[in-house]
């Protein structure tokens, strides 16, 4: 009930201050209809990238993987894409490790496996790959380990990622207590912390991410 009152109060604050709005949360501009992306590679360019990849260049191997994933510069073949991602990931390329993690998480080109996705996200996250940090945090939440999720969201948030800042604010706002959820034991706790929640929500809002701005308004009034 208390949380419902907080949310309701926050919505009321926004309605009353609608003319001013929350700092950083202006109206979105209409970008018009999305246009299909133009091809990235000519046949000659694609052949040159493939030659570099065959020579062992990890960056080129990732590009070839993406070419097969999208059908831009190579026949679309998600299984082949994964093979090239793995070549680059095995050489330690963080972006390739992230791409391989995504393939495992979504089951595209390879049998889906959250466990394997986490393995590759962790490798990339340890190298500072922010998207991998966020996905790893999400998987830790699904695994009922909110403290581990908080730690990875915090690393991404400190790197300036607005989505991670927003998610971190939610973790601190609602907290996560030990117990049972969906018949699974929660492995760690995140205590509620309104000041930390407001801090991270404000960081996200300053970058224009306004999906949870009403929580910030409620915390500041």
Foldseek 3Di string as FASTA:
>chain_A
DVVVVLLVVLVVLCVVCVVPHDPLADDDDDPPDDDDDDQDDDLVRLVVLVVVVVVQDLVSLQVVLVCLCVVRSHPNANLVSLVSLVSSVVVQDLVSLQVNLVCQCVVTNHRHDNVSSLVSLVSSVVVPPLVSLQVNLVSCVVVLANVSSLVSLVSSVVVQDLVSLQVNLVCQQVWDDFDDDPNDTRPDTGHHDLVSSLVSNSSNSNNNPCPPVSSNSSSVD
